[in-house]
């Protein structure tokens, strides 16, 4: 499958099953089988933890499935918790993957009911984090497969491009749409990202409920970290 091609949940599940013995898949499984713990939630730049190792940020609209994806990656259902009220969580949450990788869950954006002062505070915090965090290796931009890229996503795309942070699109909730819709939205997202300077060309198609694409995303992050069986943090 090409970087911007998708053939539906059934085809992708079958492809994943056939590739489970790939060395990169095994490296990803081993990395994310390690203990992962919540470190802290940060509401201001002064509260950011010391820079060390490698960080991967998870960004996306409210209710796009950031917490669910993090939980699926690490195999812990209750590690990252999402609020029932969109836009309620206004902090950056840090999760330490056994010293090998720091996962950062950014506050969801696009919440119309949030007060303007809270939106402004969130924007300042995210800008400061993205532009000033030298250990941030990549941002994963989560996009709901049912809707594709919206204007609220484009705002964070501009911010990521300006901050020169390499980012990669991850389609979520792929089990909620038809194979044809999934193919179309993946192509549309890919075409738009080609025009953006900091966008990584590969798009991941995932479902936290079915496990679709989780092994491949783990493998991608393990490669980014340089993780292998004998690695030490």
C-alpha atoms as a PDB file:
ATOM      1  CA  UNK A   1       0.000   0.000   0.000  1.00  0.00           C
ATOM      2  CA  UNK A   2       1.292   3.442  -0.902  1.00  0.00           C
ATOM      3  CA  UNK A   3       1.675   6.284   1.541  1.00  0.00           C
ATOM      4  CA  UNK A   4      -1.671   7.819   0.684  1.00  0.00           C
ATOM      5  CA  UNK A   5      -3.665   4.734  -0.254  1.00  0.00           C
ATOM      6  CA  UNK A   6      -6.165   2.815   1.803  1.00  0.00           C
ATOM      7  CA  UNK A   7      -8.321  -0.129   0.844  1.00  0.00           C
ATOM      8  CA  UNK A   8     -10.665  -0.323   3.793  1.00  0.00           C
ATOM      9  CA  UNK A   9     -10.590  -1.848   7.230  1.00  0.00           C
ATOM     10  CA  UNK A  10     -10.826  -5.467   6.106  1.00  0.00           C
ATOM     11  CA  UNK A  11      -7.950  -5.241   3.634  1.00  0.00           C
ATOM     12  CA  UNK A  12      -5.770  -3.338   6.097  1.00  0.00           C
ATOM     13  CA  UNK A  13      -6.498  -5.797   8.889  1.00  0.00           C
ATOM     14  CA  UNK A  14      -5.524  -8.667   6.617  1.00  0.00           C
ATOM     15  CA  UNK A  15      -2.308  -6.910   5.587  1.00  0.00           C
ATOM     16  CA  UNK A  16      -1.433  -6.256   9.221  1.00  0.00           C
ATOM     17  CA  UNK A  17      -1.997  -9.889  10.126  1.00  0.00           C
ATOM     18  CA  UNK A  18       0.329 -11.056   7.365  1.00  0.00           C
ATOM     19  CA  UNK A  19       3.068  -8.643   8.466  1.00  0.00           C
ATOM     20  CA  UNK A  20       3.110  -9.467  12.183  1.00  0.00           C
ATOM     21  CA  UNK A  21       6.455 -11.241  11.841  1.00  0.00           C
ATOM     22  CA  UNK A  22       8.245  -8.217  10.377  1.00  0.00           C
ATOM     23  CA  UNK A  23      11.271  -7.165  12.460  1.00  0.00           C
ATOM     24  CA  UNK A  24       9.998  -3.597  12.749  1.00  0.00           C
ATOM     25  CA  UNK A  25       6.612  -4.825  13.973  1.00  0.00           C
ATOM     26  CA  UNK A  26       8.341  -6.911  16.641  1.00  0.00           C
ATOM     27  CA  UNK A  27      10.504  -3.962  17.708  1.00  0.00           C
ATOM     28  CA  UNK A  28       7.372  -1.850  18.081  1.00  0.00           C
ATOM     29  CA  UNK A  29       5.632  -4.556  20.088  1.00  0.00           C
ATOM     30  CA  UNK A  30       8.598  -4.891  22.440  1.00  0.00           C
ATOM     31  CA  UNK A  31       8.946  -1.148  22.936  1.00  0.00           C
ATOM     32  CA  UNK A  32       5.292  -0.572  23.771  1.00  0.00           C
ATOM     33  CA  UNK A  33       5.152  -3.664  25.981  1.00  0.00           C
ATOM     34  CA  UNK A  34       7.431  -1.804  28.396  1.00  0.00           C
ATOM     35  CA  UNK A  35       5.892  -0.014  31.411  1.00  0.00           C
ATOM     36  CA  UNK A  36       4.327   3.370  30.722  1.00  0.00           C
ATOM     37  CA  UNK A  37       3.368   5.794  33.474  1.00  0.00           C
ATOM     38  CA  UNK A  38       1.706   9.167  33.783  1.00  0.00           C
ATOM     39  CA  UNK A  39       4.296  11.831  34.696  1.00  0.00           C
ATOM     40  CA  UNK A  40       2.370  15.088  35.065  1.00  0.00           C
ATOM     41  CA  UNK A  41      -0.140  17.468  33.579  1.00  0.00           C
ATOM     42  CA  UNK A  42       1.138  20.904  32.613  1.00  0.00           C
ATOM     43  CA  UNK A  43      -0.898  24.107  32.307  1.00  0.00           C
ATOM     44  CA  UNK A  44       2.004  26.552  31.886  1.00  0.00           C
ATOM     45  CA  UNK A  45       5.422  26.541  30.223  1.00  0.00           C
ATOM     46  CA  UNK A  46       7.108  26.795  33.614  1.00  0.00           C
ATOM     47  CA  UNK A  47       5.711  23.386  34.531  1.00  0.00           C
ATOM     48  CA  UNK A  48       7.197  21.485  31.585  1.00  0.00           C
ATOM     49  CA  UNK A  49       9.372  18.543  32.688  1.00  0.00           C
ATOM     50  CA  UNK A  50      13.129  18.600  31.940  1.00  0.00           C
ATOM     51  CA  UNK A  51      14.060  17.889  28.339  1.00  0.00           C
ATOM     52  CA  UNK A  52      15.528  14.430  27.967  1.00  0.00           C
ATOM     53  CA  UNK A  53      15.198  11.577  25.518  1.00  0.00           C
ATOM     54  CA  UNK A  54      12.678  11.837  22.704  1.00  0.00           C
ATOM     55  CA  UNK A  55       9.144  13.192  22.786  1.00  0.00           C
ATOM     56  CA  UNK A  56       6.222  12.441  20.492  1.00  0.00           C
ATOM     57  CA  UNK A  57       3.197  14.740  20.686  1.00  0.00           C
ATOM     58  CA  UNK A  58      -0.392  13.708  19.978  1.00  0.00           C
ATOM     59  CA  UNK A  59      -2.534  16.559  18.636  1.00  0.00           C
ATOM     60  CA  UNK A  60      -6.075  16.672  17.343  1.00  0.00           C
ATOM     61  CA  UNK A  61      -9.587  18.014  17.664  1.00  0.00           C
ATOM     62  CA  UNK A  62     -11.620  17.318  20.782  1.00  0.00           C
ATOM     63  CA  UNK A  63     -13.014  13.773  20.772  1.00  0.00           C
ATOM     64  CA  UNK A  64     -10.802  12.668  17.885  1.00  0.00           C
ATOM     65  CA  UNK A  65      -9.492   9.795  19.998  1.00  0.00           C
ATOM     66  CA  UNK A  66      -6.084  10.895  21.295  1.00  0.00           C
ATOM     67  CA  UNK A  67      -6.438   9.247  24.685  1.00  0.00           C
ATOM     68  CA  UNK A  68      -7.841   6.079  23.139  1.00  0.00           C
ATOM     69  CA  UNK A  69      -4.928   5.867  20.702  1.00  0.00           C
ATOM     70  CA  UNK A  70      -2.332   6.321  23.436  1.00  0.00           C
ATOM     71  CA  UNK A  71      -4.036   3.635  25.518  1.00  0.00           C
ATOM     72  CA  UNK A  72      -4.135   1.278  22.536  1.00  0.00           C
ATOM     73  CA  UNK A  73      -0.441   1.827  21.785  1.00  0.00           C
ATOM     74  CA  UNK A  74       0.695   1.066  25.345  1.00  0.00           C
ATOM     75  CA  UNK A  75      -1.940  -1.597  25.997  1.00  0.00           C
ATOM     76  CA  UNK A  76      -3.358   0.149  29.076  1.00  0.00           C
ATOM     77  CA  UNK A  77      -7.031   1.053  28.890  1.00  0.00           C
ATOM     78  CA  UNK A  78      -7.027   3.621  31.689  1.00  0.00           C
ATOM     79  CA  UNK A  79      -3.637   5.311  31.302  1.00  0.00           C
ATOM     80  CA  UNK A  80      -4.742   8.348  29.303  1.00  0.00           C
ATOM     81  CA  UNK A  81      -8.177   9.610  30.241  1.00  0.00           C
ATOM     82  CA  UNK A  82     -10.470  11.688  28.105  1.00  0.00           C
ATOM     83  CA  UNK A  83     -13.053  14.103  29.400  1.00  0.00           C
ATOM     84  CA  UNK A  84     -16.734  13.599  28.634  1.00  0.00           C
ATOM     85  CA  UNK A  85     -16.938  17.317  27.934  1.00  0.00           C
ATOM     86  CA  UNK A  86     -15.131  18.392  24.737  1.00  0.00           C
ATOM     87  CA  UNK A  87     -12.496  21.008  25.428  1.00  0.00           C
ATOM     88  CA  UNK A  88     -12.486  20.493  29.165  1.00  0.00           C
ATOM     89  CA  UNK A  89      -8.929  19.182  29.447  1.00  0.00           C
ATOM     90  CA  UNK A  90      -6.645  22.196  29.084  1.00  0.00           C
ATOM     91  CA  UNK A  91      -3.258  20.752  29.954  1.00  0.00           C
ATOM     92  CA  UNK A  92      -0.447  18.846  28.309  1.00  0.00           C
ATOM     93  CA  UNK A  93      -0.229  15.363  29.793  1.00  0.00           C
ATOM     94  CA  UNK A  94       3.140  13.592  29.790  1.00  0.00           C
ATOM     95  CA  UNK A  95       3.547   9.803  29.778  1.00  0.00           C
ATOM     96  CA  UNK A  96       6.948   8.133  30.187  1.00  0.00           C
ATOM     97  CA  UNK A  97       7.462   4.904  28.229  1.00  0.00           C
ATOM     98  CA  UNK A  98      10.116   3.339  30.464  1.00  0.00           C
ATOM     99  CA  UNK A  99      12.684   6.028  29.717  1.00  0.00           C
ATOM    100  CA  UNK A 100      12.695   5.346  25.974  1.00  0.00           C
ATOM    101  CA  UNK A 101      10.004   7.743  24.834  1.00  0.00           C
ATOM    102  CA  UNK A 102       7.861  10.521  26.284  1.00  0.00           C
ATOM    103  CA  UNK A 103       4.324  10.650  24.907  1.00  0.00           C
ATOM    104  CA  UNK A 104       2.657  14.045  25.214  1.00  0.00           C
ATOM    105  CA  UNK A 105      -1.110  14.353  24.945  1.00  0.00           C
ATOM    106  CA  UNK A 106      -1.947  17.902  23.852  1.00  0.00           C
ATOM    107  CA  UNK A 107      -5.320  19.480  24.729  1.00  0.00           C
ATOM    108  CA  UNK A 108      -8.008  18.942  22.128  1.00  0.00           C
ATOM    109  CA  UNK A 109      -8.860  21.947  19.991  1.00  0.00           C
ATOM    110  CA  UNK A 110     -11.920  23.051  18.068  1.00  0.00           C
ATOM    111  CA  UNK A 111     -14.209  23.205  21.095  1.00  0.00           C
ATOM    112  CA  UNK A 112     -16.763  25.932  20.374  1.00  0.00           C
ATOM    113  CA  UNK A 113     -18.117  26.123  23.914  1.00  0.00           C
ATOM    114  CA  UNK A 114     -14.786  26.900  25.597  1.00  0.00           C
ATOM    115  CA  UNK A 115     -14.352  30.512  26.834  1.00  0.00           C
ATOM    116  CA  UNK A 116     -12.099  32.655  24.677  1.00  0.00           C
ATOM    117  CA  UNK A 117      -9.597  33.239  27.481  1.00  0.00           C
ATOM    118  CA  UNK A 118      -9.134  29.478  27.844  1.00  0.00           C
ATOM    119  CA  UNK A 119      -8.670  29.056  24.106  1.00  0.00           C
ATOM    120  CA  UNK A 120      -6.090  31.859  24.108  1.00  0.00           C
ATOM    121  CA  UNK A 121      -4.241  30.297  27.047  1.00  0.00           C
ATOM    122  CA  UNK A 122      -4.228  26.910  25.299  1.00  0.00           C
ATOM    123  CA  UNK A 123      -2.894  28.496  22.109  1.00  0.00           C
ATOM    124  CA  UNK A 124      -0.057  30.238  23.939  1.00  0.00           C
ATOM    125  CA  UNK A 125       0.912  27.057  25.769  1.00  0.00           C
ATOM    126  CA  UNK A 126       0.905  24.926  22.624  1.00  0.00           C
ATOM    127  CA  UNK A 127       2.867  27.490  20.624  1.00  0.00           C
ATOM    128  CA  UNK A 128       5.502  27.723  23.360  1.00  0.00           C
ATOM    129  CA  UNK A 129       5.718  23.950  23.625  1.00  0.00           C
ATOM    130  CA  UNK A 130       6.002  23.286  19.889  1.00  0.00           C
ATOM    131  CA  UNK A 131       8.520  26.046  19.213  1.00  0.00           C
ATOM    132  CA  UNK A 132      10.683  25.610  22.289  1.00  0.00           C
ATOM    133  CA  UNK A 133      10.840  21.862  22.909  1.00  0.00           C
ATOM    134  CA  UNK A 134      14.118  20.645  21.404  1.00  0.00           C
ATOM    135  CA  UNK A 135      13.433  16.977  22.265  1.00  0.00           C
ATOM    136  CA  UNK A 136      10.140  16.957  20.340  1.00  0.00           C
ATOM    137  CA  UNK A 137      10.921  14.649  17.431  1.00  0.00           C
ATOM    138  CA  UNK A 138       7.495  14.407  15.817  1.00  0.00           C
ATOM    139  CA  UNK A 139       3.864  15.358  16.249  1.00  0.00           C
ATOM    140  CA  UNK A 140       1.099  12.958  15.350  1.00  0.00           C
ATOM    141  CA  UNK A 141      -1.903  14.876  14.050  1.00  0.00           C
ATOM    142  CA  UNK A 142      -5.008  12.803  14.617  1.00  0.00           C
ATOM    143  CA  UNK A 143      -7.801  13.278  12.090  1.00  0.00           C
ATOM    144  CA  UNK A 144     -11.241  11.691  12.369  1.00  0.00           C
ATOM    145  CA  UNK A 145     -11.638   9.392   9.360  1.00  0.00           C
ATOM    146  CA  UNK A 146     -15.339  10.228   9.237  1.00  0.00           C
ATOM    147  CA  UNK A 147     -14.712  13.925   8.585  1.00  0.00           C
ATOM    148  CA  UNK A 148     -11.216  14.427   7.179  1.00  0.00           C
ATOM    149  CA  UNK A 149      -9.334  17.701   7.627  1.00  0.00           C
ATOM    150  CA  UNK A 150     -11.413  20.598   8.953  1.00  0.00           C
ATOM    151  CA  UNK A 151     -10.568  24.284   9.254  1.00  0.00           C
ATOM    152  CA  UNK A 152      -9.684  23.801  12.930  1.00  0.00           C
ATOM    153  CA  UNK A 153      -7.100  21.210  11.834  1.00  0.00           C
ATOM    154  CA  UNK A 154      -5.643  23.660   9.357  1.00  0.00           C
ATOM    155  CA  UNK A 155      -4.934  26.093  12.163  1.00  0.00           C
ATOM    156  CA  UNK A 156      -2.732  23.549  13.954  1.00  0.00           C
ATOM    157  CA  UNK A 157      -1.159  22.592  10.615  1.00  0.00           C
ATOM    158  CA  UNK A 158      -0.078  26.207  10.157  1.00  0.00           C
ATOM    159  CA  UNK A 159       1.303  26.255  13.680  1.00  0.00           C
ATOM    160  CA  UNK A 160       3.271  23.047  13.121  1.00  0.00           C
ATOM    161  CA  UNK A 161       4.649  24.327   9.820  1.00  0.00           C
ATOM    162  CA  UNK A 162       5.710  27.593  11.467  1.00  0.00           C
ATOM    163  CA  UNK A 163       7.344  25.744  14.365  1.00  0.00           C
ATOM    164  CA  UNK A 164       9.166  23.468  11.878  1.00  0.00           C
ATOM    165  CA  UNK A 165       7.972  20.383  13.752  1.00  0.00           C
ATOM    166  CA  UNK A 166       7.698  17.303  11.555  1.00  0.00           C
ATOM    167  CA  UNK A 167       4.171  15.968  11.834  1.00  0.00           C
ATOM    168  CA  UNK A 168       2.412  12.881  10.593  1.00  0.00           C
ATOM    169  CA  UNK A 169      -1.294  12.349  10.001  1.00  0.00           C
ATOM    170  CA  UNK A 170      -3.064   9.511  11.795  1.00  0.00           C
ATOM    171  CA  UNK A 171      -6.627   8.780  10.741  1.00  0.00           C
ATOM    172  CA  UNK A 172      -8.681   7.552  13.697  1.00  0.00           C
ATOM    173  CA  UNK A 173     -12.004   5.688  13.966  1.00  0.00           C
ATOM    174  CA  UNK A 174     -11.391   3.957  10.639  1.00  0.00           C
ATOM    175  CA  UNK A 175     -13.782   1.195  11.684  1.00  0.00           C
ATOM    176  CA  UNK A 176     -16.654   3.698  11.579  1.00  0.00           C
ATOM    177  CA  UNK A 177     -16.558   4.285   7.813  1.00  0.00           C
ATOM    178  CA  UNK A 178     -16.843   2.273   4.614  1.00  0.00           C
ATOM    179  CA  UNK A 179     -13.813   1.120   2.652  1.00  0.00           C
ATOM    180  CA  UNK A 180     -14.625   3.559  -0.147  1.00  0.00           C
ATOM    181  CA  UNK A 181     -14.966   6.499   2.236  1.00  0.00           C
ATOM    182  CA  UNK A 182     -11.700   5.552   3.918  1.00  0.00           C
ATOM    183  CA  UNK A 183      -9.919   5.416   0.577  1.00  0.00           C
ATOM    184  CA  UNK A 184     -11.316   8.794  -0.443  1.00  0.00           C
ATOM    185  CA  UNK A 185     -10.504  10.612   2.806  1.00  0.00           C
ATOM    186  CA  UNK A 186      -6.985   9.160   2.915  1.00  0.00           C
ATOM    187  CA  UNK A 187      -6.355  10.416  -0.604  1.00  0.00           C
ATOM    188  CA  UNK A 188      -7.784  13.843   0.171  1.00  0.00           C
ATOM    189  CA  UNK A 189      -5.721  14.211   3.350  1.00  0.00           C
ATOM    190  CA  UNK A 190      -2.601  13.056   1.539  1.00  0.00           C
ATOM    191  CA  UNK A 191      -3.094  15.545  -1.279  1.00  0.00           C
ATOM    192  CA  UNK A 192      -3.452  18.435   1.163  1.00  0.00           C
ATOM    193  CA  UNK A 193      -0.450  17.440   3.246  1.00  0.00           C
ATOM    194  CA  UNK A 194       1.765  17.281   0.160  1.00  0.00           C
ATOM    195  CA  UNK A 195       1.497  21.070   0.016  1.00  0.00           C
ATOM    196  CA  UNK A 196       2.804  21.544   3.559  1.00  0.00           C
ATOM    197  CA  UNK A 197       6.533  21.799   4.277  1.00  0.00           C
ATOM    198  CA  UNK A 198       6.687  19.992   7.630  1.00  0.00           C
ATOM    199  CA  UNK A 199       4.290  17.147   6.850  1.00  0.00           C
ATOM    200  CA  UNK A 200       5.604  13.578   6.739  1.00  0.00           C
ATOM    201  CA  UNK A 201       4.286  11.790   3.632  1.00  0.00           C
ATOM    202  CA  UNK A 202       3.109   8.591   5.311  1.00  0.00           C
ATOM    203  CA  UNK A 203      -0.426   8.473   6.690  1.00  0.00           C
ATOM    204  CA  UNK A 204      -1.485   5.910   9.268  1.00  0.00           C
ATOM    205  CA  UNK A 205      -5.026   4.520   9.289  1.00  0.00           C
ATOM    206  CA  UNK A 206      -6.078   3.323  12.728  1.00  0.00           C
ATOM    207  CA  UNK A 207      -8.872   2.116  14.953  1.00  0.00           C
ATOM    208  CA  UNK A 208      -8.303   1.962  18.688  1.00  0.00           C
ATOM    209  CA  UNK A 209     -11.294  -0.373  18.997  1.00  0.00           C
ATOM    210  CA  UNK A 210     -10.243  -3.009  16.471  1.00  0.00           C
ATOM    211  CA  UNK A 211      -6.473  -2.520  16.687  1.00  0.00           C
ATOM    212  CA  UNK A 212      -6.228  -1.604  13.011  1.00  0.00           C
ATOM    213  CA  UNK A 213      -2.892   0.108  12.267  1.00  0.00           C
ATOM    214  CA  UNK A 214      -1.679   0.040  15.881  1.00  0.00           C
ATOM    215  CA  UNK A 215       1.190  -2.378  15.220  1.00  0.00           C
ATOM    216  CA  UNK A 216       2.415  -0.318  12.255  1.00  0.00           C
ATOM    217  CA  UNK A 217       2.304   2.908  14.256  1.00  0.00           C
ATOM    218  CA  UNK A 218       4.236   1.260  17.093  1.00  0.00           C
ATOM    219  CA  UNK A 219       6.835   0.136  14.548  1.00  0.00           C
ATOM    220  CA  UNK A 220       7.142   3.662  13.147  1.00  0.00           C
ATOM    221  CA  UNK A 221       7.765   5.134  16.594  1.00  0.00           C
ATOM    222  CA  UNK A 222      10.220   2.367  17.526  1.00  0.00           C
ATOM    223  CA  UNK A 223      12.211   3.171  14.394  1.00  0.00           C
ATOM    224  CA  UNK A 224      12.110   6.860  15.277  1.00  0.00           C
ATOM    225  CA  UNK A 225      13.562   6.086  18.699  1.00  0.00           C
ATOM    226  CA  UNK A 226      16.100   3.669  17.250  1.00  0.00           C
ATOM    227  CA  UNK A 227      14.752   0.934  19.500  1.00  0.00           C
ATOM    228  CA  UNK A 228      15.820  -2.682  19.171  1.00  0.00           C
ATOM    229  CA  UNK A 229      15.648  -5.717  21.439  1.00  0.00           C
ATOM    230  CA  UNK A 230      18.845  -4.886  23.303  1.00  0.00           C
ATOM    231  CA  UNK A 231      18.211  -1.163  23.649  1.00  0.00           C
ATOM    232  CA  UNK A 232      18.587   0.697  26.927  1.00  0.00           C
ATOM    233  CA  UNK A 233      17.175   4.147  27.689  1.00  0.00           C
END
